[in-house]
Amino acid sequence: AGDSLRLSCVASGRAFSRYAMAWFRQAPGKER
């Protein structure tokens, strides 16, 4: 607790620059 992390998501395919991007998460026993 209190630490930091940086997540990365590399995309391959077409037209990445024209996609909205998002992060979601899902904890155990919970909905995303």
All heavy atoms as atom14 arrays in JSON, in Angstrom:
{
  "sequence": "AGDSLRLSCVASGRAFSRYAMAWFRQAPGKER",
  "atom14_mask": [
    [1, 1, 1, 1, 1, 0, 0, 0, 0, 0, 0, 0, 0, 0],
    [1, 1, 1, 1, 0, 0, 0, 0, 0, 0, 0, 0, 0, 0],
    [1, 1, 1, 1, 1, 1, 1, 1, 0, 0, 0, 0, 0, 0],
    [1, 1, 1, 1, 1, 1, 0, 0, 0, 0, 0, 0, 0, 0],
    [1, 1, 1, 1, 1, 1, 1, 1, 0, 0, 0, 0, 0, 0],
    [1, 1, 1, 1, 1, 1, 1, 1, 1, 1, 1, 0, 0, 0],
    [1, 1, 1, 1, 1, 1, 1, 1, 0, 0, 0, 0, 0, 0],
    [1, 1, 1, 1, 1, 1, 0, 0, 0, 0, 0, 0, 0, 0],
    [1, 1, 1, 1, 1, 1, 0, 0, 0, 0, 0, 0, 0, 0],
    [1, 1, 1, 1, 1, 1, 1, 0, 0, 0, 0, 0, 0, 0],
    [1, 1, 1, 1, 1, 0, 0, 0, 0, 0, 0, 0, 0, 0],
    [1, 1, 1, 1, 1, 1, 0, 0, 0, 0, 0, 0, 0, 0],
    [1, 1, 1, 1, 0, 0, 0, 0, 0, 0, 0, 0, 0, 0],
    [1, 1, 1, 1, 1, 1, 1, 1, 1, 1, 1, 0, 0, 0],
    [1, 1, 1, 1, 1, 0, 0, 0, 0, 0, 0, 0, 0, 0],
    [1, 1, 1, 1, 1, 1, 1, 1, 1, 1, 1, 0, 0, 0],
    [1, 1, 1, 1, 1, 1, 0, 0, 0, 0, 0, 0, 0, 0],
    [1, 1, 1, 1, 1, 1, 1, 1, 1, 1, 1, 0, 0, 0],
    [1, 1, 1, 1, 1, 1, 1, 1, 1, 1, 1, 1, 0, 0],
    [1, 1, 1, 1, 1, 0, 0, 0, 0, 0, 0, 0, 0, 0],
    [1, 1, 1, 1, 1, 1, 1, 1, 0, 0, 0, 0, 0, 0],
    [1, 1, 1, 1, 1, 0, 0, 0, 0, 0, 0, 0, 0, 0],
    [1, 1, 1, 1, 1, 1, 1, 1, 1, 1, 1, 1, 1, 1],
    [1, 1, 1, 1, 1, 1, 1, 1, 1, 1, 1, 0, 0, 0],
    [1, 1, 1, 1, 1, 1, 1, 1, 1, 1, 1, 0, 0, 0],
    [1, 1, 1, 1, 1, 1, 1, 1, 1, 0, 0, 0, 0, 0],
    [1, 1, 1, 1, 1, 0, 0, 0, 0, 0, 0, 0, 0, 0],
    [1, 1, 1, 1, 1, 1, 1, 0, 0, 0, 0, 0, 0, 0],
    [1, 1, 1, 1, 0, 0, 0, 0, 0, 0, 0, 0, 0, 0],
    [1, 1, 1, 1, 1, 1, 1, 1, 1, 0, 0, 0, 0, 0],
    [1, 1, 1, 1, 1, 1, 1, 1, 1, 0, 0, 0, 0, 0],
    [1, 1, 1, 1, 1, 1, 1, 1, 1, 1, 1, 0, 0, 0]
  ],
  "atom14_positions": [
    [[0.85, -1.2, 0.0], [0.0, 0.0, 0.0], [0.88, 1.25, 0.0], [1.88, 1.3, 0.71], [-0.92, -0.01, 1.2], [0.0, 0.0, 0.0], [0.0, 0.0, 0.0], [0.0, 0.0, 0.0], [0.0, 0.0, 0.0], [0.0, 0.0, 0.0], [0.0, 0.0, 0.0], [0.0, 0.0, 0.0], [0.0, 0.0, 0.0], [0.0, 0.0, 0.0]],
    [[0.49, 2.22, -0.83], [1.26, 3.44, -0.95], [2.25, 3.44, -2.09], [2.77, 4.5, -2.47], [0.0, 0.0, 0.0], [0.0, 0.0, 0.0], [0.0, 0.0, 0.0], [0.0, 0.0, 0.0], [0.0, 0.0, 0.0], [0.0, 0.0, 0.0], [0.0, 0.0, 0.0], [0.0, 0.0, 0.0], [0.0, 0.0, 0.0], [0.0, 0.0, 0.0]],
    [[2.54, 2.27, -2.64], [3.48, 2.16, -3.75], [2.82, 2.58, -5.06], [1.61, 2.87, -5.11], [3.98, 0.72, -3.88], [4.98, 0.36, -2.8], [5.43, 1.26, -2.07], [5.31, -0.85, -2.68], [0.0, 0.0, 0.0], [0.0, 0.0, 0.0], [0.0, 0.0, 0.0], [0.0, 0.0, 0.0], [0.0, 0.0, 0.0], [0.0, 0.0, 0.0]],
    [[3.64, 2.58, -6.11], [3.17, 2.94, -7.44], [3.46, 1.81, -8.43], [4.4, 1.03, -8.24], [3.88, 4.21, -7.93], [3.58, 5.31, -7.09], [0.0, 0.0, 0.0], [0.0, 0.0, 0.0], [0.0, 0.0, 0.0], [0.0, 0.0, 0.0], [0.0, 0.0, 0.0], [0.0, 0.0, 0.0], [0.0, 0.0, 0.0], [0.0, 0.0, 0.0]],
    [[2.67, 1.76, -9.48], [2.89, 0.87, -10.61], [2.48, 1.61, -11.87], [1.59, 2.46, -11.84], [2.04, -0.4, -10.51], [2.52, -1.56, -9.64], [1.45, -2.65, -9.61], [3.84, -2.12, -10.14], [0.0, 0.0, 0.0], [0.0, 0.0, 0.0], [0.0, 0.0, 0.0], [0.0, 0.0, 0.0], [0.0, 0.0, 0.0], [0.0, 0.0, 0.0]],
    [[3.1, 1.24, -12.99], [2.66, 1.74, -14.28], [2.32, 0.57, -15.18], [3.19, -0.25, -15.48], [3.71, 2.62, -14.95], [3.16, 3.31, -16.19], [4.13, 4.26, -16.84], [5.12, 3.59, -17.66], [5.78, 4.18, -18.67], [5.54, 5.44, -18.96], [6.68, 3.51, -19.37], [0.0, 0.0, 0.0], [0.0, 0.0, 0.0], [0.0, 0.0, 0.0]],
    [[1.08, 0.52, -15.6], [0.63, -0.49, -16.55], [0.79, 0.05, -17.97], [0.6, 1.24, -18.22], [-0.82, -0.86, -16.31], [-1.2, -1.31, -14.9], [-2.68, -1.71, -14.86], [-0.32, -2.43, -14.42], [0.0, 0.0, 0.0], [0.0, 0.0, 0.0], [0.0, 0.0, 0.0], [0.0, 0.0, 0.0], [0.0, 0.0, 0.0], [0.0, 0.0, 0.0]],
    [[1.12, -0.86, -18.87], [1.22, -0.52, -20.28], [0.32, -1.44, -21.08], [0.12, -2.6, -20.71], [2.67, -0.69, -20.78], [3.55, 0.17, -20.09], [0.0, 0.0, 0.0], [0.0, 0.0, 0.0], [0.0, 0.0, 0.0], [0.0, 0.0, 0.0], [0.0, 0.0, 0.0], [0.0, 0.0, 0.0], [0.0, 0.0, 0.0], [0.0, 0.0, 0.0]],
    [[-0.17, -0.94, -22.17], [-1.0, -1.74, -23.08], [-0.55, -1.39, -24.5], [-0.75, -0.26, -24.96], [-2.46, -1.42, -22.89], [-3.56, -2.16, -24.13], [0.0, 0.0, 0.0], [0.0, 0.0, 0.0], [0.0, 0.0, 0.0], [0.0, 0.0, 0.0], [0.0, 0.0, 0.0], [0.0, 0.0, 0.0], [0.0, 0.0, 0.0], [0.0, 0.0, 0.0]],
    [[0.07, -2.36, -25.14], [0.55, -2.16, -26.51], [-0.5, -2.69, -27.48], [-0.97, -3.83, -27.33], [1.89, -2.87, -26.73], [2.35, -2.68, -28.17], [2.93, -2.34, -25.76], [0.0, 0.0, 0.0], [0.0, 0.0, 0.0], [0.0, 0.0, 0.0], [0.0, 0.0, 0.0], [0.0, 0.0, 0.0], [0.0, 0.0, 0.0], [0.0, 0.0, 0.0]],
    [[-0.83, -1.88, -28.45], [-1.83, -2.25, -29.45], [-1.17, -2.56, -30.78], [-0.24, -1.86, -31.19], [-2.84, -1.13, -29.62], [0.0, 0.0, 0.0], [0.0, 0.0, 0.0], [0.0, 0.0, 0.0], [0.0, 0.0, 0.0], [0.0, 0.0, 0.0], [0.0, 0.0, 0.0], [0.0, 0.0, 0.0], [0.0, 0.0, 0.0], [0.0, 0.0, 0.0]],
    [[-1.65, -3.56, -31.44], [-1.21, -3.85, -32.79], [-2.45, -3.93, -33.66], [-3.53, -4.26, -33.19], [-0.44, -5.16, -32.86], [-1.22, -6.24, -32.4], [0.0, 0.0, 0.0], [0.0, 0.0, 0.0], [0.0, 0.0, 0.0], [0.0, 0.0, 0.0], [0.0, 0.0, 0.0], [0.0, 0.0, 0.0], [0.0, 0.0, 0.0], [0.0, 0.0, 0.0]],
    [[-2.29, -3.62, -34.91], [-3.43, -3.58, -35.79], [-3.59, -2.21, -36.4], [-2.65, -1.41, -36.44], [0.0, 0.0, 0.0], [0.0, 0.0, 0.0], [0.0, 0.0, 0.0], [0.0, 0.0, 0.0], [0.0, 0.0, 0.0], [0.0, 0.0, 0.0], [0.0, 0.0, 0.0], [0.0, 0.0, 0.0], [0.0, 0.0, 0.0], [0.0, 0.0, 0.0]],
    [[-4.79, -1.93, -36.79], [-5.01, -0.72, -37.57], [-5.47, 0.47, -36.76], [-6.26, 0.32, -35.85], [-6.05, -1.02, -38.65], [-5.64, -2.13, -39.6], [-6.74, -2.44, -40.59], [-7.04, -1.3, -41.43], [-7.99, -1.3, -42.34], [-8.74, -2.36, -42.51], [-8.21, -0.23, -43.07], [0.0, 0.0, 0.0], [0.0, 0.0, 0.0], [0.0, 0.0, 0.0]],
    [[-4.94, 1.62, -37.11], [-5.5, 2.9, -36.7], [-5.64, 3.08, -35.19], [-6.67, 3.57, -34.72], [-6.85, 3.12, -37.37], [0.0, 0.0, 0.0], [0.0, 0.0, 0.0], [0.0, 0.0, 0.0], [0.0, 0.0, 0.0], [0.0, 0.0, 0.0], [0.0, 0.0, 0.0], [0.0, 0.0, 0.0], [0.0, 0.0, 0.0], [0.0, 0.0, 0.0]],
    [[-4.61, 2.72, -34.44], [-4.66, 2.91, -32.98], [-4.99, 4.34, -32.63], [-5.73, 4.6, -31.67], [-3.31, 2.52, -32.38], [-3.16, 2.92, -30.94], [-3.68, 2.1, -29.94], [-2.5, 4.08, -30.56], [-3.56, 2.44, -28.61], [-2.37, 4.43, -29.23], [-2.89, 3.61, -28.25], [0.0, 0.0, 0.0], [0.0, 0.0, 0.0], [0.0, 0.0, 0.0]],
    [[-4.46, 5.28, -33.39], [-4.63, 6.69, -33.05], [-6.07, 7.15, -33.15], [-6.4, 8.25, -32.7], [-3.75, 7.55, -33.94], [-4.13, 7.42, -35.3], [0.0, 0.0, 0.0], [0.0, 0.0, 0.0], [0.0, 0.0, 0.0], [0.0, 0.0, 0.0], [0.0, 0.0, 0.0], [0.0, 0.0, 0.0], [0.0, 0.0, 0.0], [0.0, 0.0, 0.0]],
    [[-6.96, 6.33, -33.73], [-8.37, 6.69, -33.84], [-9.26, 5.82, -32.96], [-10.46, 5.69, -33.23], [-8.81, 6.62, -35.3], [-8.21, 7.75, -36.13], [-8.73, 7.74, -37.55], [-8.28, 8.92, -38.27], [-8.99, 10.03, -38.37], [-10.18, 10.1, -37.84], [-8.52, 11.07, -39.03], [0.0, 0.0, 0.0], [0.0, 0.0, 0.0], [0.0, 0.0, 0.0]],
    [[-8.66, 5.22, -31.94], [-9.44, 4.45, -30.97], [-9.42, 5.15, -29.62], [-8.36, 5.55, -29.14], [-8.85, 3.04, -30.79], [-9.24, 2.09, -31.88], [-8.56, 2.06, -33.09], [-10.28, 1.2, -31.7], [-8.91, 1.18, -34.09], [-10.65, 0.3, -32.69], [-9.96, 0.3, -33.88], [-10.31, -0.57, -34.87], [0.0, 0.0, 0.0], [0.0, 0.0, 0.0]],
    [[-10.6, 5.3, -29.03], [-10.63, 5.65, -27.62], [-10.1, 4.46, -26.84], [-10.37, 3.3, -27.19], [-12.05, 5.98, -27.19], [0.0, 0.0, 0.0], [0.0, 0.0, 0.0], [0.0, 0.0, 0.0], [0.0, 0.0, 0.0], [0.0, 0.0, 0.0], [0.0, 0.0, 0.0], [0.0, 0.0, 0.0], [0.0, 0.0, 0.0], [0.0, 0.0, 0.0]],
    [[-9.36, 4.73, -25.79], [-8.76, 3.66, -24.99], [-9.19, 3.78, -23.53], [-9.45, 4.89, -23.04], [-7.23, 3.73, -25.08], [-6.68, 3.6, -26.49], [-7.06, 2.01, -27.25], [-6.18, 0.89, -26.16], [0.0, 0.0, 0.0], [0.0, 0.0, 0.0], [0.0, 0.0, 0.0], [0.0, 0.0, 0.0], [0.0, 0.0, 0.0], [0.0, 0.0, 0.0]],
    [[-9.25, 2.65, -22.87], [-9.69, 2.66, -21.48], [-9.04, 1.54, -20.69], [-8.53, 0.57, -21.27], [-11.21, 2.53, -21.4], [0.0, 0.0, 0.0], [0.0, 0.0, 0.0], [0.0, 0.0, 0.0], [0.0, 0.0, 0.0], [0.0, 0.0, 0.0], [0.0, 0.0, 0.0], [0.0, 0.0, 0.0], [0.0, 0.0, 0.0], [0.0, 0.0, 0.0]],
    [[-9.09, 1.69, -19.39], [-8.71, 0.64, -18.47], [-9.94, 0.3, -17.63], [-10.64, 1.2, -17.14], [-7.58, 1.09, -17.55], [-6.26, 1.22, -18.25], [-5.73, 2.34, -18.79], [-5.31, 0.18, -18.45], [-4.49, 2.08, -19.34], [-4.2, 0.75, -19.14], [-5.25, -1.18, -18.12], [-3.08, 0.01, -19.5], [-4.12, -1.91, -18.48], [-3.05, -1.32, -19.16]],
    [[-10.16, -0.99, -17.46], [-11.16, -1.52, -16.56], [-10.45, -2.46, -15.59], [-9.32, -2.86, -15.83], [-12.23, -2.3, -17.34], [-13.14, -1.44, -18.16], [-12.73, -0.94, -19.39], [-14.41, -1.13, -17.72], [-13.57, -0.14, -20.15], [-15.27, -0.35, -18.48], [-14.83, 0.16, -19.7], [0.0, 0.0, 0.0], [0.0, 0.0, 0.0], [0.0, 0.0, 0.0]],
    [[-11.13, -2.82, -14.51], [-10.56, -3.78, -13.58], [-11.65, -4.68, -13.02], [-12.81, -4.3, -12.94], [-9.8, -3.08, -12.47], [-10.68, -2.29, -11.51], [-9.8, -1.52, -10.53], [-10.61, -0.76, -9.58], [-10.11, 0.1, -8.69], [-8.79, 0.3, -8.62], [-10.9, 0.74, -7.86], [0.0, 0.0, 0.0], [0.0, 0.0, 0.0], [0.0, 0.0, 0.0]],
    [[-11.22, -5.86, -12.59], [-12.14, -6.8, -11.98], [-11.49, -7.43, -10.76], [-10.47, -8.13, -10.89], [-12.57, -7.89, -12.97], [-13.64, -8.81, -12.43], [-14.26, -9.67, -13.5], [-13.68, -9.9, -14.56], [-15.46, -10.15, -13.25], [0.0, 0.0, 0.0], [0.0, 0.0, 0.0], [0.0, 0.0, 0.0], [0.0, 0.0, 0.0], [0.0, 0.0, 0.0]],
    [[-12.07, -7.16, -9.62], [-11.59, -7.73, -8.37], [-12.26, -9.08, -8.14], [-13.34, -9.34, -8.69], [-11.91, -6.78, -7.22], [0.0, 0.0, 0.0], [0.0, 0.0, 0.0], [0.0, 0.0, 0.0], [0.0, 0.0, 0.0], [0.0, 0.0, 0.0], [0.0, 0.0, 0.0], [0.0, 0.0, 0.0], [0.0, 0.0, 0.0], [0.0, 0.0, 0.0]],
    [[-11.66, -9.94, -7.33], [-12.26, -11.26, -7.07], [-13.67, -11.14, -6.54], [-13.94, -10.38, -5.6], [-11.32, -11.86, -6.02], [-10.02, -11.17, -6.23], [-10.36, -9.78, -6.66], [0.0, 0.0, 0.0], [0.0, 0.0, 0.0], [0.0, 0.0, 0.0], [0.0, 0.0, 0.0], [0.0, 0.0, 0.0], [0.0, 0.0, 0.0], [0.0, 0.0, 0.0]],
    [[-14.58, -11.87, -7.18], [-15.96, -11.88, -6.72], [-16.77, -10.66, -7.09], [-17.92, -10.53, -6.66], [0.0, 0.0, 0.0], [0.0, 0.0, 0.0], [0.0, 0.0, 0.0], [0.0, 0.0, 0.0], [0.0, 0.0, 0.0], [0.0, 0.0, 0.0], [0.0, 0.0, 0.0], [0.0, 0.0, 0.0], [0.0, 0.0, 0.0], [0.0, 0.0, 0.0]],
    [[-16.18, -9.76, -7.87], [-16.88, -8.53, -8.25], [-16.98, -8.42, -9.76], [-16.25, -9.08, -10.51], [-16.17, -7.32, -7.67], [-16.17, -7.27, -6.16], [-15.59, -5.95, -5.66], [-15.67, -5.86, -4.15], [-15.15, -4.56, -3.66], [0.0, 0.0, 0.0], [0.0, 0.0, 0.0], [0.0, 0.0, 0.0], [0.0, 0.0, 0.0], [0.0, 0.0, 0.0]],
    [[-17.88, -7.56, -10.21], [-18.01, -7.32, -11.63], [-16.89, -6.39, -12.11], [-16.32, -5.61, -11.35], [-19.37, -6.7, -11.94], [-20.53, -7.63, -11.65], [-21.84, -7.08, -12.16], [-21.86, -5.93, -12.62], [-22.84, -7.81, -12.09], [0.0, 0.0, 0.0], [0.0, 0.0, 0.0], [0.0, 0.0, 0.0], [0.0, 0.0, 0.0], [0.0, 0.0, 0.0]],
    [[-16.6, -6.49, -13.39], [-15.59, -5.61, -13.97], [-16.11, -4.17, -13.93], [-17.28, -3.91, -14.23], [-15.29, -6.05, -15.4], [-14.09, -5.37, -16.0], [-13.5, -6.2, -17.13], [-14.45, -6.53, -18.17], [-14.17, -7.3, -19.21], [-12.95, -7.82, -19.34], [-15.08, -7.57, -20.12], [0.0, 0.0, 0.0], [0.0, 0.0, 0.0], [0.0, 0.0, 0.0]]
  ]
}
